[in-house]
Amino acid sequence: MSNPVVQCSGIWKIFGNKADPALRAIREQGLSKSEALKQYGAVTAVADVSFSVDQGEIFCIMGLSGSGKSTLIRHINRLVEPTDGEIIVAGRNVNALSNSELRALRSTSVGMVFQNMALLPHRSVQENVALSLELRGIGKAQRLRTAKEKLKLVDLEEWGLRFPDELSGGMKQRVGLARAMAADPEILLMDEPFSALDPLIRRQLQQQFLELSKLVKKTTIFITHDLDEAIRLGTHIAIMKDGRFVQVGTPEEIVTEPADEYVADFVKGISRLELVTARKIMKPIPAMRNTMSRNGATVAVTEKIGAIIDLAAQYDGDITVLDGNQPVGMISRNDLLLGVRG
């Protein structure tokens, strides 16, 4: 059963002194983004975006620079005020919060990790991690104890007394993640946190983040311009263009069922080996027919193409696909080739 922690409905963000009349004209006259800019001097950054994120989900918003993704994520903790629309976070209407309630939301319920960590250079690593707790008036002993616990989660427990200028770029990103988690927020907002790192370090941090997510089970909204990263991390992915969502789906759905040519162009170079499942490429068989491959080779419907190829290399003939103990489909080597090719 769906359990949304974040719900955004009809979010618009238009920058400029004439944002409201520009929005009316867009709705009533169907003005394009360029026409709104020309007639009203208004920049449409987010245009009628709606989505929800369930408990424990990693929801990736992916798009090119200027697509509106970073502006959108800043609506969730109201760093950006919407021109129109509703944002519900953990059952609370963010637009209706007072300044004190909003500060409490940001310090306790919603943690944010930026591309630039902005660590305080004159404070130790553990003091940087404990900063949010210090601002909340938590005693020194407790906040340093919490900081040490979070640094251990990101494999930096031995670096607590060091200073930021002694850390590598990847280590600073992990400090930023530990700082966001120190307040034990229900929701993490991550705005391209790994994009400035070298590819190898970036992949290592992605893997560490996935392992950490399974452990702490935080609901995460993750911004990226890298589809490989979105596919690797995301439970669901939203593809954004010109302030709008073009498609929302699972990584497998985005790659195998692109909504339009724009999405298809994004996914055409993506490897399907660790993404597409047996269910997508099998030929279904009648539910009541107990068909099995002659060689006895079977895979689950959730098995990925890469593992099925390894199995096909060992056995001749078709492979039976099982849903539980029930045969539901067959996969030939031709099916595998078409699945890889897409």
Protein backbone atom coordinates (compact mmCIF):
# COMPACT_ATOMS: atom_id res chain seq x y z
CA MET A 1 0.00 0.00 0.00
CA SER A 2 1.29 3.44 -0.96
CA ASN A 3 2.53 5.56 1.93
CA PRO A 4 3.56 8.96 0.50
CA VAL A 5 5.83 11.09 2.66
CA VAL A 6 6.16 13.89 0.10
CA GLN A 7 3.28 14.99 -2.15
CA CYS A 8 3.59 17.85 -4.63
CA SER A 9 0.52 18.90 -6.60
CA GLY A 10 0.48 21.35 -9.50
CA ILE A 11 3.74 23.11 -8.62
CA TRP A 12 4.53 26.24 -10.63
CA LYS A 13 7.50 28.52 -10.18
CA ILE A 14 7.71 31.60 -12.35
CA PHE A 15 10.42 34.17 -11.68
CA GLY A 16 9.79 37.84 -12.39
CA ASN A 17 7.72 40.82 -11.23
CA LYS A 18 4.76 39.69 -13.32
CA ALA A 19 4.71 36.04 -12.30
CA ASP A 20 0.99 35.90 -11.45
CA PRO A 21 -0.33 37.48 -14.68
CA ALA A 22 2.14 35.36 -16.63
CA LEU A 23 0.77 32.21 -14.98
CA ARG A 24 -2.80 33.25 -15.81
CA ALA A 25 -1.84 33.86 -19.43
CA ILE A 26 -0.07 30.48 -19.64
CA ARG A 27 -3.15 28.72 -18.32
CA GLU A 28 -5.79 30.69 -20.21
CA GLN A 29 -4.00 31.41 -23.47
CA GLY A 30 -1.56 28.51 -23.63
CA LEU A 31 1.53 30.73 -23.75
CA SER A 32 4.79 28.91 -24.28
CA LYS A 33 7.83 29.40 -22.05
CA SER A 34 9.44 31.72 -24.60
CA GLU A 35 6.21 33.71 -25.11
CA ALA A 36 5.81 34.23 -21.35
CA LEU A 37 9.37 35.52 -21.22
CA LYS A 38 8.81 37.87 -24.16
CA GLN A 39 5.44 39.29 -23.03
CA TYR A 40 5.89 39.37 -19.25
CA GLY A 41 9.63 39.12 -18.65
CA ALA A 42 8.81 35.98 -16.67
CA VAL A 43 10.99 32.88 -16.49
CA THR A 44 9.05 29.63 -16.12
CA ALA A 45 11.29 27.35 -14.05
CA VAL A 46 8.74 24.73 -12.92
CA ALA A 47 5.51 24.13 -14.82
CA ASP A 48 2.61 22.19 -13.28
CA VAL A 49 4.63 19.37 -11.70
CA SER A 50 2.92 16.76 -9.54
CA PHE A 51 4.48 13.71 -7.89
CA SER A 52 4.61 11.73 -4.66
CA VAL A 53 7.40 9.88 -2.89
CA ASP A 54 6.73 6.88 -0.68
CA GLN A 55 8.33 6.00 2.63
CA GLY A 56 11.90 4.74 2.16
CA GLU A 57 11.95 5.42 -1.58
CA ILE A 58 14.84 6.99 -3.53
CA PHE A 59 13.09 9.24 -6.05
CA CYS A 60 15.53 10.55 -8.67
CA ILE A 61 14.76 13.69 -10.65
CA MET A 62 16.94 13.75 -13.73
CA GLY A 63 17.39 16.45 -16.36
CA LEU A 64 19.84 18.65 -18.17
CA SER A 65 21.06 21.96 -16.77
CA GLY A 66 18.24 24.48 -16.77
CA SER A 67 15.47 21.88 -16.74
CA GLY A 68 14.19 23.09 -13.34
CA LYS A 69 15.16 20.13 -11.17
CA SER A 70 17.15 22.05 -8.54
CA THR A 71 14.46 24.73 -8.32
CA LEU A 72 11.83 22.04 -7.83
CA ILE A 73 13.60 20.26 -4.96
CA ARG A 74 13.98 23.56 -3.07
CA HIS A 75 10.19 23.85 -2.89
CA ILE A 76 10.03 20.84 -0.58
CA ASN A 77 11.69 22.65 2.33
CA ARG A 78 10.49 26.03 1.00
CA LEU A 79 13.86 27.48 0.18
CA VAL A 80 11.91 28.56 -2.91
CA GLU A 81 8.34 29.86 -2.63
CA PRO A 82 5.98 28.36 -5.25
CA THR A 83 4.03 30.63 -7.55
CA ASP A 84 1.22 28.09 -7.25
CA GLY A 85 0.66 24.54 -6.07
CA GLU A 86 0.64 22.52 -2.87
CA ILE A 87 3.49 20.74 -1.06
CA ILE A 88 2.68 18.22 1.68
CA VAL A 89 5.64 16.91 3.69
CA ALA A 90 5.04 14.29 6.39
CA GLY A 91 1.37 15.29 6.49
CA ARG A 92 2.02 19.04 6.79
CA ASN A 93 1.20 21.71 4.24
CA VAL A 94 4.59 23.40 3.79
CA ASN A 95 3.05 26.54 2.29
CA ALA A 96 1.02 27.12 5.45
CA LEU A 97 3.89 26.83 7.94
CA SER A 98 4.94 29.83 9.99
CA ASN A 99 8.59 30.91 10.04
CA SER A 100 9.24 29.07 13.31
CA GLU A 101 7.47 25.93 12.05
CA LEU A 102 9.46 26.10 8.83
CA ARG A 103 12.74 26.34 10.74
CA ALA A 104 11.70 23.30 12.77
CA LEU A 105 10.88 21.38 9.58
CA ARG A 106 14.30 22.15 8.12
CA SER A 107 16.20 21.30 11.29
CA THR A 108 14.38 18.10 12.26
CA SER A 109 12.35 16.59 9.39
CA VAL A 110 14.16 17.48 6.16
CA GLY A 111 17.93 17.24 5.69
CA MET A 112 19.64 18.63 2.59
CA VAL A 113 22.93 17.71 0.91
CA PHE A 114 24.30 20.12 -1.69
CA GLN A 115 26.96 19.72 -4.36
CA ASN A 116 29.10 22.17 -2.38
CA MET A 117 29.20 21.05 1.24
CA ALA A 118 30.17 24.50 2.63
CA LEU A 119 31.93 22.95 5.64
CA LEU A 120 33.14 25.44 8.23
CA PRO A 121 36.95 25.46 7.85
CA HIS A 122 37.68 26.49 11.47
CA ARG A 123 35.68 23.61 12.94
CA SER A 124 36.65 19.96 13.13
CA VAL A 125 34.87 17.35 11.08
CA GLN A 126 32.79 16.15 14.02
CA GLU A 127 31.91 19.73 14.97
CA ASN A 128 30.68 20.30 11.40
CA VAL A 129 28.54 17.19 11.60
CA ALA A 130 27.12 18.27 14.97
CA LEU A 131 26.29 21.82 13.83
CA SER A 132 22.54 21.32 13.37
CA LEU A 133 22.28 19.80 16.85
CA GLU A 134 24.20 22.73 18.31
CA LEU A 135 21.75 25.16 16.69
CA ARG A 136 18.91 23.22 18.32
CA GLY A 137 20.50 23.62 21.75
CA ILE A 138 21.53 19.99 22.21
CA GLY A 139 24.24 19.53 24.84
CA LYS A 140 27.85 19.18 23.68
CA ALA A 141 28.36 15.62 24.92
CA GLN A 142 25.22 14.34 23.19
CA ARG A 143 25.81 16.13 19.90
CA LEU A 144 29.42 14.94 19.65
CA ARG A 145 28.31 11.42 20.44
CA THR A 146 25.73 11.62 17.65
CA ALA A 147 28.34 13.08 15.27
CA LYS A 148 30.67 10.16 15.95
CA GLU A 149 27.84 7.69 15.24
CA LYS A 150 27.04 9.33 11.89
CA LEU A 151 30.70 9.55 10.91
CA LYS A 152 30.97 5.82 11.56
CA LEU A 153 28.07 5.23 9.16
CA VAL A 154 30.02 6.95 6.38
CA ASP A 155 33.35 5.30 7.30
CA LEU A 156 34.95 8.47 8.63
CA GLU A 157 35.00 7.72 12.37
CA GLU A 158 38.79 8.17 12.50
CA TRP A 159 38.64 11.62 10.92
CA GLY A 160 36.41 13.37 13.46
CA LEU A 161 39.15 15.58 14.93
CA ARG A 162 40.59 16.57 11.54
CA PHE A 163 39.64 19.75 9.67
CA PRO A 164 37.91 20.06 6.27
CA ASP A 165 41.04 21.16 4.41
CA GLU A 166 42.61 17.79 5.28
CA LEU A 167 39.87 15.86 3.45
CA SER A 168 39.50 14.80 -0.17
CA GLY A 169 36.44 15.86 -2.20
CA GLY A 170 34.73 12.51 -1.69
CA MET A 171 35.35 12.62 2.05
CA LYS A 172 33.83 16.10 2.25
CA GLN A 173 30.70 14.79 0.52
CA ARG A 174 30.46 12.03 3.11
CA VAL A 175 30.82 14.59 5.91
CA GLY A 176 27.96 16.54 4.34
CA LEU A 177 25.82 13.40 4.28
CA ALA A 178 26.68 12.65 7.92
CA ARG A 179 25.77 16.25 8.84
CA ALA A 180 22.39 15.92 7.13
CA MET A 181 21.69 12.66 8.98
CA ALA A 182 22.79 13.93 12.38
CA ALA A 183 19.40 15.56 12.94
CA ASP A 184 17.79 12.18 12.06
CA PRO A 185 15.50 13.69 9.39
CA GLU A 186 12.69 11.69 7.88
CA ILE A 187 13.52 13.02 4.40
CA LEU A 188 16.82 13.66 2.62
CA LEU A 189 17.06 16.14 -0.27
CA MET A 190 20.23 15.60 -2.32
CA ASP A 191 21.06 18.11 -5.04
CA GLU A 192 23.73 16.60 -7.33
CA PRO A 193 25.92 15.68 -4.35
CA PHE A 194 28.38 13.56 -6.36
CA SER A 195 28.49 15.39 -9.69
CA ALA A 196 31.80 17.22 -9.12
CA LEU A 197 33.73 14.07 -8.19
CA ASP A 198 36.00 11.85 -10.27
CA PRO A 199 34.14 8.87 -11.85
CA LEU A 200 35.71 6.22 -9.64
CA ILE A 201 35.10 8.15 -6.40
CA ARG A 202 31.61 8.97 -7.57
CA ARG A 203 30.74 5.32 -8.16
CA GLN A 204 32.16 4.34 -4.77
CA LEU A 205 30.02 6.97 -3.06
CA GLN A 206 26.95 5.86 -4.99
CA GLN A 207 27.47 2.31 -3.74
CA GLN A 208 28.05 3.52 -0.18
CA PHE A 209 24.92 5.65 -0.36
CA LEU A 210 22.86 2.65 -1.54
CA GLU A 211 24.15 0.54 1.34
CA LEU A 212 23.49 3.36 3.78
CA SER A 213 19.96 3.84 2.43
CA LYS A 214 19.14 0.19 3.08
CA LEU A 215 20.41 0.61 6.64
CA VAL A 216 18.76 3.90 7.67
CA LYS A 217 15.70 3.71 5.34
CA LYS A 218 15.44 7.45 4.71
CA THR A 219 13.03 8.78 2.10
CA THR A 220 15.28 10.49 -0.45
CA ILE A 221 14.76 12.88 -3.34
CA PHE A 222 17.92 12.83 -5.42
CA ILE A 223 18.74 15.36 -8.15
CA THR A 224 21.13 14.40 -10.95
CA HIS A 225 21.90 15.19 -14.57
CA ASP A 226 23.40 11.70 -15.06
CA LEU A 227 20.97 8.98 -16.17
CA ASP A 228 23.43 6.22 -15.22
CA GLU A 229 23.41 7.58 -11.66
CA ALA A 230 19.61 7.85 -11.62
CA ILE A 231 19.22 4.26 -12.82
CA ARG A 232 21.78 2.98 -10.32
CA LEU A 233 20.18 4.72 -7.33
CA GLY A 234 16.52 5.36 -8.07
CA THR A 235 13.46 3.42 -7.02
CA HIS A 236 11.62 5.70 -9.45
CA ILE A 237 12.98 8.24 -11.91
CA ALA A 238 11.40 11.44 -13.19
CA ILE A 239 12.79 12.84 -16.46
CA MET A 240 12.46 16.64 -16.48
CA LYS A 241 12.57 19.02 -19.44
CA ASP A 242 11.71 22.74 -19.62
CA GLY A 243 10.23 22.71 -16.11
CA ARG A 244 7.93 19.73 -16.70
CA PHE A 245 8.04 16.00 -16.03
CA VAL A 246 8.25 14.14 -19.33
CA GLN A 247 8.08 10.65 -17.80
CA VAL A 248 8.02 9.04 -14.36
CA GLY A 249 8.68 5.33 -13.88
CA THR A 250 10.95 2.63 -12.56
CA PRO A 251 14.44 2.47 -14.09
CA GLU A 252 13.35 -0.56 -16.14
CA GLU A 253 10.23 1.26 -17.42
CA ILE A 254 12.21 4.37 -18.36
CA VAL A 255 14.72 2.33 -20.39
CA THR A 256 12.36 -0.17 -22.02
CA GLU A 257 9.28 2.05 -22.50
CA PRO A 258 10.47 5.64 -23.17
CA ALA A 259 7.55 8.06 -23.39
CA ASP A 260 8.90 10.04 -26.33
CA GLU A 261 11.94 10.66 -28.51
CA TYR A 262 13.52 12.92 -25.87
CA VAL A 263 13.57 10.10 -23.29
CA ALA A 264 14.52 7.52 -25.92
CA ASP A 265 17.54 9.62 -26.86
CA PHE A 266 18.62 9.70 -23.20
CA VAL A 267 18.39 5.94 -22.67
CA LYS A 268 19.75 4.61 -25.96
CA GLY A 269 23.29 4.15 -24.60
CA ILE A 270 22.28 2.56 -21.29
CA SER A 271 23.33 -1.05 -20.65
CA ARG A 272 20.35 -3.31 -20.03
CA LEU A 273 22.29 -6.23 -18.53
CA GLU A 274 21.70 -5.31 -14.87
CA LEU A 275 18.41 -3.53 -15.45
CA VAL A 276 15.96 -5.45 -17.64
CA THR A 277 14.29 -8.49 -16.08
CA ALA A 278 13.16 -11.85 -17.40
CA ARG A 279 9.55 -10.70 -17.21
CA LYS A 280 10.23 -8.05 -19.87
CA ILE A 281 11.83 -10.33 -22.48
CA MET A 282 10.08 -13.69 -21.97
CA LYS A 283 7.39 -15.13 -24.21
CA PRO A 284 4.38 -15.79 -21.93
CA ILE A 285 2.89 -19.27 -21.73
CA PRO A 286 -0.70 -20.12 -20.70
CA ALA A 287 -1.09 -20.04 -16.94
CA MET A 288 -2.43 -23.59 -16.66
CA ARG A 289 0.15 -25.18 -18.95
CA ASN A 290 3.00 -26.68 -16.93
CA THR A 291 5.70 -26.11 -19.55
CA MET A 292 9.34 -26.56 -18.59
CA SER A 293 12.52 -26.31 -20.65
CA ARG A 294 13.97 -29.64 -21.69
CA ASN A 295 17.31 -28.85 -20.10
CA GLY A 296 15.72 -27.91 -16.79
CA ALA A 297 17.19 -24.40 -16.78
CA THR A 298 14.97 -21.93 -14.90
CA VAL A 299 15.11 -18.32 -13.74
CA ALA A 300 12.84 -16.12 -11.62
CA VAL A 301 10.80 -13.39 -13.33
CA THR A 302 12.93 -10.81 -11.50
CA GLU A 303 16.28 -12.14 -12.78
CA LYS A 304 18.32 -9.68 -14.84
CA ILE A 305 19.47 -10.25 -18.42
CA GLY A 306 23.15 -10.42 -17.42
CA ALA A 307 22.60 -13.44 -15.18
CA ILE A 308 20.33 -15.10 -17.76
CA ILE A 309 23.08 -14.79 -20.39
CA ASP A 310 25.48 -16.57 -18.01
CA LEU A 311 22.92 -19.37 -17.64
CA ALA A 312 22.27 -19.57 -21.39
CA ALA A 313 26.01 -20.05 -21.97
CA GLN A 314 25.83 -23.29 -19.94
CA TYR A 315 22.66 -24.82 -21.38
CA ASP A 316 21.24 -25.38 -24.87
CA GLY A 317 17.64 -24.57 -25.61
CA ASP A 318 15.09 -22.30 -24.00
CA ILE A 319 15.02 -21.21 -20.36
CA THR A 320 11.86 -21.42 -18.25
CA VAL A 321 10.77 -18.34 -16.32
CA LEU A 322 9.15 -18.96 -12.94
CA ASP A 323 6.90 -16.76 -10.85
CA GLY A 324 7.32 -18.54 -7.53
CA ASN A 325 7.04 -22.20 -8.59
CA GLN A 326 4.70 -21.50 -11.51
CA PRO A 327 6.13 -21.45 -15.08
CA VAL A 328 4.96 -18.24 -16.73
CA GLY A 329 7.26 -17.82 -19.74
CA MET A 330 10.11 -19.04 -21.91
CA ILE A 331 13.27 -17.25 -23.03
CA SER A 332 15.22 -18.26 -26.13
CA ARG A 333 18.68 -17.03 -27.06
CA ASN A 334 17.03 -14.85 -29.68
CA ASP A 335 14.89 -13.28 -26.94
CA LEU A 336 18.08 -12.55 -25.00
CA LEU A 337 19.73 -10.87 -27.98
CA LEU A 338 16.67 -8.71 -28.61
CA GLY A 339 16.51 -7.85 -24.91
CA VAL A 340 20.11 -6.66 -24.90
CA ARG A 341 19.65 -4.71 -28.12
CA GLY A 342 16.35 -3.22 -27.02
